[in-house]
Structures are given as structure tokens and as C-alpha cells.
């Protein structure tokens, strides 16, 4: 079960390593009390791959607090639905790399 739940992160990480265009991303990077899915230090960008649970219960409020904390650290957050990763890992990896390059420019 845990493997299926995190499969989208694994697939995205694998594709990013292959086709990052020189962008350096850290996987499961700690920032204060939180751990972000991917982090580009040069761009000060956190990338979160969100499954459907992020739309349920109190999760949206918790995500908003987390994003606010990260912004106080100078880190911008990009949230990508896991469904987008599952549709096209390659397109998602390219979009993440482009976003990092844009923030570094």
C-alpha cells in the first residue's frame, strides 16, 4: 500500500534525475518542522506532489499553514496534483525543471 501511495513521487524523482537539464533537486528535504517532496535550493522552490487526500478534511488548512511557513523562509511552493504526474511523468518533470529555471533567472 505505501509503495502505491508514493509511486507518483518515485516516478517523478526518477524522471527528474534523467531529464532535469542541470537542475539540482533534493528529494524529501526537511525545512523546519516539515519535509517537502522536492526542493531546489538554487531557486528556493519546494515542489509538492499532492494526492487526493490533500483535498479532504483539515488537510487544505494544514497545507496552507505549511505553505505560509515555507514563504516565511523565502521558499515558494508549487503544488502538483498526483493525477497530473500519473498522466505524464515526463511532462510533469519538464514543468518542474522549467519552473526552477524560471525562478533562477
N, C-alpha and C. Protein backbone atom coordinates (compact mmCIF):
# COMPACT_ATOMS: atom_id res chain seq x y z
N UNK A 1 0.83 -1.20 0.00
CA UNK A 1 0.00 0.00 0.00
C UNK A 1 0.87 1.26 0.00
N UNK A 2 1.88 1.31 0.87
CA UNK A 2 2.73 2.51 0.95
C UNK A 2 3.43 2.76 -0.38
N UNK A 3 3.85 1.70 -1.06
CA UNK A 3 4.52 1.87 -2.34
C UNK A 3 3.59 2.51 -3.36
N UNK A 4 2.35 2.05 -3.43
CA UNK A 4 1.39 2.63 -4.38
C UNK A 4 1.12 4.08 -4.03
N UNK A 5 1.03 4.38 -2.75
CA UNK A 5 0.70 5.73 -2.31
C UNK A 5 1.81 6.71 -2.71
N UNK A 6 3.05 6.28 -2.73
CA UNK A 6 4.17 7.17 -3.04
C UNK A 6 4.76 6.91 -4.42
N UNK A 7 4.11 6.09 -5.21
CA UNK A 7 4.63 5.74 -6.53
C UNK A 7 4.79 6.97 -7.41
N UNK A 8 3.85 7.93 -7.33
CA UNK A 8 3.96 9.12 -8.17
C UNK A 8 5.22 9.92 -7.82
N UNK A 9 5.60 9.99 -6.54
CA UNK A 9 6.83 10.70 -6.16
C UNK A 9 8.06 9.97 -6.69
N UNK A 10 8.05 8.65 -6.61
CA UNK A 10 9.18 7.87 -7.11
C UNK A 10 9.34 8.06 -8.61
N UNK A 11 8.23 7.97 -9.35
CA UNK A 11 8.29 8.12 -10.80
C UNK A 11 8.74 9.53 -11.19
N UNK A 12 8.25 10.54 -10.47
CA UNK A 12 8.66 11.92 -10.76
C UNK A 12 10.15 12.10 -10.46
N UNK A 13 10.62 11.55 -9.34
CA UNK A 13 12.04 11.68 -8.99
C UNK A 13 12.92 11.02 -10.03
N UNK A 14 12.53 9.85 -10.48
CA UNK A 14 13.31 9.13 -11.49
C UNK A 14 13.38 9.94 -12.79
N UNK A 15 12.27 10.49 -13.22
CA UNK A 15 12.25 11.28 -14.46
C UNK A 15 13.05 12.57 -14.30
N UNK A 16 12.96 13.20 -13.14
CA UNK A 16 13.73 14.43 -12.91
C UNK A 16 15.23 14.17 -12.94
N UNK A 17 15.66 13.04 -12.40
CA UNK A 17 17.09 12.71 -12.44
C UNK A 17 17.55 12.53 -13.88
N UNK A 18 16.71 11.95 -14.70
CA UNK A 18 17.06 11.69 -16.09
C UNK A 18 17.09 12.96 -16.94
N UNK A 19 16.12 13.83 -16.74
CA UNK A 19 15.92 14.95 -17.65
C UNK A 19 15.79 16.29 -16.94
N UNK A 20 16.62 16.54 -15.96
CA UNK A 20 16.48 17.77 -15.19
C UNK A 20 17.12 18.98 -15.86
N UNK A 21 17.93 18.76 -16.89
CA UNK A 21 18.58 19.88 -17.56
C UNK A 21 19.53 20.62 -16.64
N UNK A 22 20.15 19.92 -15.72
CA UNK A 22 21.11 20.54 -14.81
C UNK A 22 20.51 21.08 -13.52
N UNK A 23 19.21 21.02 -13.39
CA UNK A 23 18.56 21.49 -12.16
C UNK A 23 18.83 20.46 -11.07
N UNK A 24 19.26 20.94 -9.91
CA UNK A 24 19.53 20.04 -8.79
C UNK A 24 18.36 20.09 -7.82
N UNK A 25 17.75 18.94 -7.63
CA UNK A 25 16.61 18.81 -6.73
C UNK A 25 16.93 17.84 -5.61
N UNK A 26 16.50 18.18 -4.44
CA UNK A 26 16.62 17.27 -3.30
C UNK A 26 15.27 16.63 -3.07
N UNK A 27 15.27 15.35 -2.80
CA UNK A 27 14.03 14.62 -2.54
C UNK A 27 13.85 14.49 -1.04
N UNK A 28 12.61 14.68 -0.57
CA UNK A 28 12.27 14.57 0.84
C UNK A 28 13.19 15.45 1.69
N UNK A 29 13.16 16.74 1.40
CA UNK A 29 14.06 17.70 2.04
C UNK A 29 13.39 18.33 3.27
N UNK A 30 14.05 18.27 4.44
CA UNK A 30 13.48 18.89 5.64
C UNK A 30 13.63 20.41 5.62
N UNK A 31 12.55 21.09 6.01
CA UNK A 31 12.57 22.56 6.17
C UNK A 31 11.80 22.84 7.46
N UNK A 32 12.53 23.22 8.50
CA UNK A 32 11.88 23.42 9.80
C UNK A 32 11.20 22.13 10.22
N UNK A 33 9.92 22.23 10.65
CA UNK A 33 9.21 21.03 11.09
C UNK A 33 8.61 20.20 9.95
N UNK A 34 8.84 20.62 8.72
CA UNK A 34 8.22 19.97 7.57
C UNK A 34 9.25 19.26 6.69
N UNK A 35 8.76 18.36 5.85
CA UNK A 35 9.57 17.70 4.84
C UNK A 35 8.85 17.90 3.51
N UNK A 36 9.54 18.53 2.55
CA UNK A 36 8.92 18.77 1.25
C UNK A 36 9.30 17.64 0.30
N UNK A 37 8.42 17.37 -0.66
CA UNK A 37 8.66 16.27 -1.59
C UNK A 37 9.94 16.50 -2.39
N UNK A 38 10.07 17.68 -2.98
CA UNK A 38 11.25 18.05 -3.76
C UNK A 38 11.62 19.49 -3.42
N UNK A 39 12.93 19.77 -3.43
CA UNK A 39 13.39 21.13 -3.12
C UNK A 39 14.54 21.50 -4.03
N UNK A 40 14.43 22.68 -4.64
CA UNK A 40 15.52 23.24 -5.44
C UNK A 40 16.09 24.41 -4.65
N UNK A 41 17.27 24.20 -4.08
CA UNK A 41 17.89 25.22 -3.23
C UNK A 41 18.21 26.49 -4.02
N UNK A 42 18.71 26.33 -5.23
CA UNK A 42 19.09 27.48 -6.03
C UNK A 42 17.88 28.38 -6.31
N UNK A 43 16.72 27.77 -6.56
CA UNK A 43 15.51 28.53 -6.87
C UNK A 43 14.68 28.84 -5.62
N UNK A 44 15.08 28.28 -4.47
CA UNK A 44 14.29 28.39 -3.24
C UNK A 44 12.84 28.00 -3.53
N UNK A 45 12.69 26.81 -4.12
CA UNK A 45 11.39 26.33 -4.57
C UNK A 45 11.13 24.94 -4.02
N UNK A 46 9.97 24.78 -3.38
CA UNK A 46 9.51 23.48 -2.90
C UNK A 46 8.44 22.98 -3.85
N UNK A 47 8.53 21.73 -4.22
CA UNK A 47 7.54 21.13 -5.10
C UNK A 47 6.86 20.01 -4.32
N UNK A 48 5.54 20.11 -4.21
CA UNK A 48 4.75 19.13 -3.51
C UNK A 48 3.87 18.38 -4.51
N UNK A 49 3.92 17.08 -4.47
CA UNK A 49 3.05 16.24 -5.29
C UNK A 49 1.91 15.80 -4.37
N UNK A 50 0.71 16.30 -4.64
CA UNK A 50 -0.42 16.09 -3.74
C UNK A 50 -1.41 15.06 -4.26
N UNK A 51 -1.65 14.05 -3.46
CA UNK A 51 -2.69 13.08 -3.75
C UNK A 51 -4.05 13.64 -3.34
N UNK A 52 -5.08 12.88 -3.55
CA UNK A 52 -6.45 13.34 -3.30
C UNK A 52 -6.69 13.69 -1.83
N UNK A 53 -5.93 13.08 -0.94
CA UNK A 53 -6.12 13.35 0.49
C UNK A 53 -5.90 14.83 0.82
N UNK A 54 -5.14 15.53 0.01
CA UNK A 54 -4.89 16.95 0.27
C UNK A 54 -6.12 17.82 0.05
N UNK A 55 -7.18 17.24 -0.52
CA UNK A 55 -8.43 17.97 -0.71
C UNK A 55 -9.46 17.64 0.34
N UNK A 56 -9.11 16.81 1.31
CA UNK A 56 -10.09 16.29 2.26
C UNK A 56 -9.84 16.77 3.68
N UNK A 57 -10.93 16.84 4.43
CA UNK A 57 -10.86 17.14 5.86
C UNK A 57 -10.12 18.44 6.15
N UNK A 58 -9.25 18.37 7.13
CA UNK A 58 -8.49 19.57 7.52
C UNK A 58 -7.19 19.73 6.74
N UNK A 59 -6.93 18.81 5.81
CA UNK A 59 -5.68 18.83 5.06
C UNK A 59 -5.43 20.15 4.31
N UNK A 60 -6.47 20.74 3.65
CA UNK A 60 -6.21 22.01 2.97
C UNK A 60 -5.72 23.11 3.93
N UNK A 61 -6.29 23.14 5.13
CA UNK A 61 -5.86 24.13 6.12
C UNK A 61 -4.43 23.86 6.57
N UNK A 62 -4.10 22.60 6.80
CA UNK A 62 -2.74 22.25 7.20
C UNK A 62 -1.74 22.59 6.09
N UNK A 63 -2.11 22.32 4.84
CA UNK A 63 -1.24 22.67 3.72
C UNK A 63 -1.04 24.18 3.62
N UNK A 64 -2.10 24.95 3.87
CA UNK A 64 -2.00 26.42 3.83
C UNK A 64 -1.04 26.92 4.91
N UNK A 65 -1.12 26.34 6.11
CA UNK A 65 -0.19 26.73 7.18
C UNK A 65 1.25 26.38 6.83
N UNK A 66 1.42 25.21 6.26
CA UNK A 66 2.75 24.76 5.84
C UNK A 66 3.32 25.70 4.77
N UNK A 67 2.49 26.03 3.77
CA UNK A 67 2.92 26.94 2.70
C UNK A 67 3.29 28.31 3.27
N UNK A 68 2.50 28.80 4.23
CA UNK A 68 2.78 30.10 4.86
C UNK A 68 4.12 30.05 5.58
N UNK A 69 4.38 28.96 6.31
CA UNK A 69 5.68 28.82 6.98
C UNK A 69 6.81 28.83 5.97
N UNK A 70 6.67 28.07 4.91
CA UNK A 70 7.73 28.00 3.90
C UNK A 70 7.98 29.37 3.28
N UNK A 71 6.91 30.13 3.04
CA UNK A 71 7.09 31.50 2.49
C UNK A 71 7.88 32.38 3.46
N UNK A 72 7.67 32.20 4.78
CA UNK A 72 8.45 32.99 5.75
C UNK A 72 9.93 32.64 5.68
N UNK A 73 10.24 31.46 5.13
CA UNK A 73 11.63 31.04 4.96
C UNK A 73 12.17 31.44 3.58
N UNK A 74 11.34 32.19 2.82
CA UNK A 74 11.75 32.61 1.48
C UNK A 74 11.59 31.53 0.43
N UNK A 75 10.80 30.53 0.74
CA UNK A 75 10.61 29.39 -0.18
C UNK A 75 9.22 29.46 -0.79
N UNK A 76 9.18 29.46 -2.11
CA UNK A 76 7.91 29.41 -2.83
C UNK A 76 7.50 27.94 -2.96
N UNK A 77 6.20 27.69 -2.96
CA UNK A 77 5.69 26.32 -3.05
C UNK A 77 4.87 26.16 -4.32
N UNK A 78 5.15 25.08 -5.04
CA UNK A 78 4.35 24.69 -6.20
C UNK A 78 3.71 23.36 -5.85
N UNK A 79 2.40 23.30 -5.97
CA UNK A 79 1.67 22.06 -5.69
C UNK A 79 1.18 21.47 -7.00
N UNK A 80 1.48 20.20 -7.19
CA UNK A 80 1.10 19.50 -8.41
C UNK A 80 0.24 18.30 -8.01
N UNK A 81 -0.96 18.20 -8.59
CA UNK A 81 -1.79 17.03 -8.27
C UNK A 81 -1.12 15.74 -8.74
N UNK A 82 -1.20 14.71 -7.91
CA UNK A 82 -0.61 13.42 -8.27
C UNK A 82 -1.21 12.89 -9.57
N UNK A 83 -2.47 13.23 -9.83
CA UNK A 83 -3.11 12.77 -11.07
C UNK A 83 -2.38 13.29 -12.30
N UNK A 84 -1.80 14.51 -12.21
CA UNK A 84 -1.04 15.06 -13.33
C UNK A 84 0.26 14.28 -13.54
N UNK A 85 0.89 13.88 -12.45
CA UNK A 85 2.11 13.09 -12.54
C UNK A 85 1.80 11.74 -13.19
N UNK A 86 0.70 11.14 -12.77
CA UNK A 86 0.33 9.84 -13.31
C UNK A 86 -0.06 9.92 -14.78
N UNK A 87 -0.61 11.06 -15.21
CA UNK A 87 -0.95 11.24 -16.63
C UNK A 87 0.30 11.29 -17.48
N UNK A 88 1.28 12.09 -17.03
CA UNK A 88 2.51 12.23 -17.80
C UNK A 88 3.66 12.63 -16.88
N UNK A 89 4.42 11.64 -16.48
CA UNK A 89 5.57 11.90 -15.62
C UNK A 89 6.57 12.82 -16.33
N UNK A 90 6.79 12.56 -17.61
CA UNK A 90 7.75 13.35 -18.37
C UNK A 90 7.33 14.82 -18.44
N UNK A 91 6.07 15.09 -18.76
CA UNK A 91 5.59 16.47 -18.82
C UNK A 91 5.70 17.16 -17.47
N UNK A 92 5.37 16.42 -16.41
CA UNK A 92 5.47 16.99 -15.07
C UNK A 92 6.91 17.33 -14.73
N UNK A 93 7.84 16.43 -15.03
CA UNK A 93 9.26 16.68 -14.76
C UNK A 93 9.76 17.89 -15.54
N UNK A 94 9.33 18.01 -16.79
CA UNK A 94 9.73 19.16 -17.61
C UNK A 94 9.18 20.45 -17.03
N UNK A 95 7.93 20.43 -16.56
CA UNK A 95 7.32 21.62 -15.96
C UNK A 95 8.04 22.02 -14.68
N UNK A 96 8.42 21.05 -13.85
CA UNK A 96 9.15 21.33 -12.62
C UNK A 96 10.50 21.95 -12.94
N UNK A 97 11.23 21.37 -13.89
CA UNK A 97 12.54 21.90 -14.28
C UNK A 97 12.40 23.31 -14.83
N UNK A 98 11.38 23.56 -15.65
CA UNK A 98 11.15 24.90 -16.21
C UNK A 98 10.85 25.91 -15.11
N UNK A 99 10.06 25.50 -14.15
CA UNK A 99 9.73 26.39 -13.04
C UNK A 99 10.98 26.75 -12.23
N UNK A 100 11.83 25.77 -12.00
CA UNK A 100 13.10 26.03 -11.28
C UNK A 100 13.98 26.98 -12.08
N UNK A 101 14.11 26.72 -13.37
CA UNK A 101 14.95 27.60 -14.21
C UNK A 101 14.43 29.02 -14.22
N UNK A 102 13.10 29.17 -14.28
CA UNK A 102 12.47 30.50 -14.29
C UNK A 102 12.78 31.26 -13.01
N UNK A 103 12.72 30.57 -11.87
CA UNK A 103 12.98 31.23 -10.59
C UNK A 103 14.47 31.56 -10.42
N UNK A 104 15.33 30.81 -11.10
CA UNK A 104 16.78 31.07 -11.00
C UNK A 104 17.23 32.22 -11.91
N UNK A 105 16.40 32.54 -12.90
CA UNK A 105 16.77 33.57 -13.89
C UNK A 105 16.73 34.97 -13.33
